[in-house]
Amino acid sequence: MLEGEINEKGKAVGWHHEPSSRTNRIVGSQTNPDSHGVYDGVVDIFNGTSYVRKEQTSSFFPKHWSADDVMTAIYEVYVDAIPSIKPSGTEFIRKWEGRHSSGIKIEMWLDKDGRITTAYPIYEP
């Protein structure tokens, strides 16, 4: 989530807190931060020997936030999150969202046991 990784399919995923990685890189320019300090950028995730370009841009929590700030915000939103996809029958809803007290909208995906697999801020220009 914070540092990014190469998943089992060989795809670059994650990395939503720039200060948490010393090996990944933002490629080219990034967006100007929104009113909450969230910004987007095209990123490369380091796999130990080379870089893998992430297919989608990464949104980043504010640069001045610590990793603890990010994890605390995600937990606070998780407690009151609502499904961002309408349920159909008894289907488990994996995508949830909420707004942190700082104003940042956070989306998260849960596994079938309700554990967070990823969470990221939403850039709102």
C-alpha atoms as a PDB file:
ATOM      1  CA  MET A   1       0.000   0.000   0.000  1.00  0.00           C
ATOM      2  CA  LEU A   2       2.553   2.583   1.106  1.00  0.00           C
ATOM      3  CA  GLU A   3       5.640   1.331  -0.750  1.00  0.00           C
ATOM      4  CA  GLY A   4       4.150  -0.469  -3.739  1.00  0.00           C
ATOM      5  CA  GLU A   5       5.064  -3.880  -5.075  1.00  0.00           C
ATOM      6  CA  ILE A   6       5.036  -6.161  -8.073  1.00  0.00           C
ATOM      7  CA  ASN A   7       2.053  -8.506  -7.701  1.00  0.00           C
ATOM      8  CA  GLU A   8       1.838 -12.207  -8.595  1.00  0.00           C
ATOM      9  CA  LYS A   9       0.835 -11.241 -12.159  1.00  0.00           C
ATOM     10  CA  GLY A  10       4.006  -9.169 -12.571  1.00  0.00           C
ATOM     11  CA  LYS A  11       2.138  -5.845 -12.436  1.00  0.00           C
ATOM     12  CA  ALA A  12       3.232  -2.791 -10.492  1.00  0.00           C
ATOM     13  CA  VAL A  13       0.656  -1.895  -7.835  1.00  0.00           C
ATOM     14  CA  GLY A  14       0.336   0.415  -4.853  1.00  0.00           C
ATOM     15  CA  TRP A  15       2.735   3.121  -3.676  1.00  0.00           C
ATOM     16  CA  HIS A  16       0.564   5.872  -2.251  1.00  0.00           C
ATOM     17  CA  HIS A  17       2.966   7.525   0.201  1.00  0.00           C
ATOM     18  CA  GLU A  18       5.977   8.988  -1.573  1.00  0.00           C
ATOM     19  CA  PRO A  19       8.272   9.247   1.496  1.00  0.00           C
ATOM     20  CA  SER A  20       7.825   5.501   2.210  1.00  0.00           C
ATOM     21  CA  SER A  21       9.953   4.386  -0.743  1.00  0.00           C
ATOM     22  CA  ARG A  22      13.538   5.217  -1.563  1.00  0.00           C
ATOM     23  CA  THR A  23      13.664   3.029  -4.676  1.00  0.00           C
ATOM     24  CA  ASN A  24      10.428   3.770  -6.578  1.00  0.00           C
ATOM     25  CA  ARG A  25      10.201   6.860  -8.737  1.00  0.00           C
ATOM     26  CA  ILE A  26       7.701   9.329 -10.106  1.00  0.00           C
ATOM     27  CA  VAL A  27       8.219   9.597 -13.847  1.00  0.00           C
ATOM     28  CA  GLY A  28       7.957  13.081 -15.324  1.00  0.00           C
ATOM     29  CA  SER A  29       5.735  15.644 -13.700  1.00  0.00           C
ATOM     30  CA  GLN A  30       3.060  15.163 -11.090  1.00  0.00           C
ATOM     31  CA  THR A  31      -0.185  17.048 -10.608  1.00  0.00           C
ATOM     32  CA  ASN A  32      -0.327  20.042  -8.323  1.00  0.00           C
ATOM     33  CA  PRO A  33      -1.598  19.029  -4.883  1.00  0.00           C
ATOM     34  CA  ASP A  34      -5.330  19.467  -4.364  1.00  0.00           C
ATOM     35  CA  SER A  35      -6.669  21.460  -1.412  1.00  0.00           C
ATOM     36  CA  HIS A  36      -5.938  18.506   0.904  1.00  0.00           C
ATOM     37  CA  GLY A  37      -2.369  17.902  -0.317  1.00  0.00           C
ATOM     38  CA  VAL A  38      -3.219  14.839  -2.455  1.00  0.00           C
ATOM     39  CA  TYR A  39      -1.477  14.589  -5.838  1.00  0.00           C
ATOM     40  CA  ASP A  40      -1.157  12.097  -8.731  1.00  0.00           C
ATOM     41  CA  GLY A  41       1.812  10.876 -10.712  1.00  0.00           C
ATOM     42  CA  VAL A  42       2.957   8.233 -13.184  1.00  0.00           C
ATOM     43  CA  VAL A  43       5.213   5.842 -11.287  1.00  0.00           C
ATOM     44  CA  ASP A  44       7.752   3.072 -11.697  1.00  0.00           C
ATOM     45  CA  ILE A  45       7.965   0.410  -8.988  1.00  0.00           C
ATOM     46  CA  PHE A  46      11.377  -1.182  -8.411  1.00  0.00           C
ATOM     47  CA  ASN A  47      11.308  -4.985  -8.398  1.00  0.00           C
ATOM     48  CA  GLY A  48      14.821  -5.457  -7.020  1.00  0.00           C
ATOM     49  CA  THR A  49      16.591  -5.400 -10.381  1.00  0.00           C
ATOM     50  CA  SER A  50      14.605  -3.093 -12.670  1.00  0.00           C
ATOM     51  CA  TYR A  51      11.627  -0.750 -12.801  1.00  0.00           C
ATOM     52  CA  VAL A  52       8.086  -1.719 -13.778  1.00  0.00           C
ATOM     53  CA  ARG A  53       5.730   1.054 -14.908  1.00  0.00           C
ATOM     54  CA  LYS A  54       2.402   1.114 -13.100  1.00  0.00           C
ATOM     55  CA  GLU A  55      -0.477   1.005 -15.604  1.00  0.00           C
ATOM     56  CA  GLN A  56      -2.505   3.650 -13.768  1.00  0.00           C
ATOM     57  CA  THR A  57      -1.308   6.782 -12.049  1.00  0.00           C
ATOM     58  CA  SER A  58      -0.745   6.626  -8.314  1.00  0.00           C
ATOM     59  CA  SER A  59      -2.477   9.044  -6.022  1.00  0.00           C
ATOM     60  CA  PHE A  60      -0.381  10.101  -3.055  1.00  0.00           C
ATOM     61  CA  PHE A  61      -1.191  11.102   0.493  1.00  0.00           C
ATOM     62  CA  PRO A  62       0.261  14.513   1.454  1.00  0.00           C
ATOM     63  CA  LYS A  63       4.070  14.591   1.474  1.00  0.00           C
ATOM     64  CA  HIS A  64       4.202  16.001   4.993  1.00  0.00           C
ATOM     65  CA  TRP A  65       2.256  13.030   6.403  1.00  0.00           C
ATOM     66  CA  SER A  66       4.225  10.255   8.084  1.00  0.00           C
ATOM     67  CA  ALA A  67       3.525   6.591   7.380  1.00  0.00           C
ATOM     68  CA  ASP A  68       1.763   6.481  10.764  1.00  0.00           C
ATOM     69  CA  ASP A  69      -0.448   9.432   9.732  1.00  0.00           C
ATOM     70  CA  VAL A  70      -1.460   7.522   6.598  1.00  0.00           C
ATOM     71  CA  MET A  71      -2.236   4.276   8.418  1.00  0.00           C
ATOM     72  CA  THR A  72      -4.214   6.117  11.103  1.00  0.00           C
ATOM     73  CA  ALA A  73      -6.273   7.938   8.444  1.00  0.00           C
ATOM     74  CA  ILE A  74      -7.001   4.672   6.624  1.00  0.00           C
ATOM     75  CA  TYR A  75      -8.121   3.015   9.852  1.00  0.00           C
ATOM     76  CA  GLU A  76     -10.334   5.975  10.795  1.00  0.00           C
ATOM     77  CA  VAL A  77     -12.027   5.875   7.392  1.00  0.00           C
ATOM     78  CA  TYR A  78     -12.349   2.070   7.501  1.00  0.00           C
ATOM     79  CA  VAL A  79     -14.394   2.279  10.704  1.00  0.00           C
ATOM     80  CA  ASP A  80     -17.092   4.422   9.032  1.00  0.00           C
ATOM     81  CA  ALA A  81     -16.615   3.460   5.363  1.00  0.00           C
ATOM     82  CA  ILE A  82     -19.554   2.754   3.088  1.00  0.00           C
ATOM     83  CA  PRO A  83     -19.668   0.518   0.001  1.00  0.00           C
ATOM     84  CA  SER A  84     -18.784   2.447  -3.139  1.00  0.00           C
ATOM     85  CA  ILE A  85     -20.390  -0.246  -5.292  1.00  0.00           C
ATOM     86  CA  LYS A  86     -24.050  -1.103  -4.739  1.00  0.00           C
ATOM     87  CA  PRO A  87     -24.516  -4.620  -3.359  1.00  0.00           C
ATOM     88  CA  SER A  88     -26.411  -7.193  -5.390  1.00  0.00           C
ATOM     89  CA  GLY A  89     -27.972  -9.896  -3.245  1.00  0.00           C
ATOM     90  CA  THR A  90     -25.524 -11.474  -0.817  1.00  0.00           C
ATOM     91  CA  GLU A  91     -22.432 -10.535  -2.806  1.00  0.00           C
ATOM     92  CA  PHE A  92     -19.570  -9.301  -0.632  1.00  0.00           C
ATOM     93  CA  ILE A  93     -18.684  -5.717  -1.464  1.00  0.00           C
ATOM     94  CA  ARG A  94     -14.946  -5.273  -1.830  1.00  0.00           C
ATOM     95  CA  LYS A  95     -14.665  -1.551  -2.660  1.00  0.00           C
ATOM     96  CA  TRP A  96     -15.361   0.934   0.144  1.00  0.00           C
ATOM     97  CA  GLU A  97     -14.845   4.661   0.590  1.00  0.00           C
ATOM     98  CA  GLY A  98     -15.014   7.396   3.162  1.00  0.00           C
ATOM     99  CA  ARG A  99     -13.740  10.855   3.982  1.00  0.00           C
ATOM    100  CA  HIS A 100     -11.077  11.463   6.611  1.00  0.00           C
ATOM    101  CA  SER A 101     -11.429  14.364   9.061  1.00  0.00           C
ATOM    102  CA  SER A 102      -8.719  16.180   7.052  1.00  0.00           C
ATOM    103  CA  GLY A 103     -11.100  16.203   4.074  1.00  0.00           C
ATOM    104  CA  ILE A 104      -9.248  13.542   2.078  1.00  0.00           C
ATOM    105  CA  LYS A 105     -11.487  10.987   0.371  1.00  0.00           C
ATOM    106  CA  ILE A 106     -10.021   7.486   0.710  1.00  0.00           C
ATOM    107  CA  GLU A 107     -11.023   4.411  -1.286  1.00  0.00           C
ATOM    108  CA  MET A 108     -10.116   0.945  -0.090  1.00  0.00           C
ATOM    109  CA  TRP A 109     -10.463  -2.627  -1.243  1.00  0.00           C
ATOM    110  CA  LEU A 110     -11.164  -5.451   1.184  1.00  0.00           C
ATOM    111  CA  ASP A 111     -10.546  -9.183   0.914  1.00  0.00           C
ATOM    112  CA  LYS A 112     -13.340 -11.707   1.530  1.00  0.00           C
ATOM    113  CA  ASP A 113     -12.539 -11.630   5.256  1.00  0.00           C
ATOM    114  CA  GLY A 114     -13.001  -7.850   5.434  1.00  0.00           C
ATOM    115  CA  ARG A 115      -9.293  -7.013   5.694  1.00  0.00           C
ATOM    116  CA  ILE A 116      -7.940  -4.018   3.795  1.00  0.00           C
ATOM    117  CA  THR A 117      -5.821  -5.081   0.818  1.00  0.00           C
ATOM    118  CA  THR A 118      -5.165  -1.574  -0.461  1.00  0.00           C
ATOM    119  CA  ALA A 119      -6.236   1.981   0.256  1.00  0.00           C
ATOM    120  CA  TYR A 120      -5.450   5.225  -1.494  1.00  0.00           C
ATOM    121  CA  PRO A 121      -6.448   8.882  -1.478  1.00  0.00           C
ATOM    122  CA  ILE A 122      -8.621  10.334  -4.228  1.00  0.00           C
ATOM    123  CA  TYR A 123      -7.179  13.344  -6.019  1.00  0.00           C
ATOM    124  CA  GLU A 124      -9.881  16.035  -6.205  1.00  0.00           C
ATOM    125  CA  PRO A 125      -8.615  19.016  -8.233  1.00  0.00           C
END
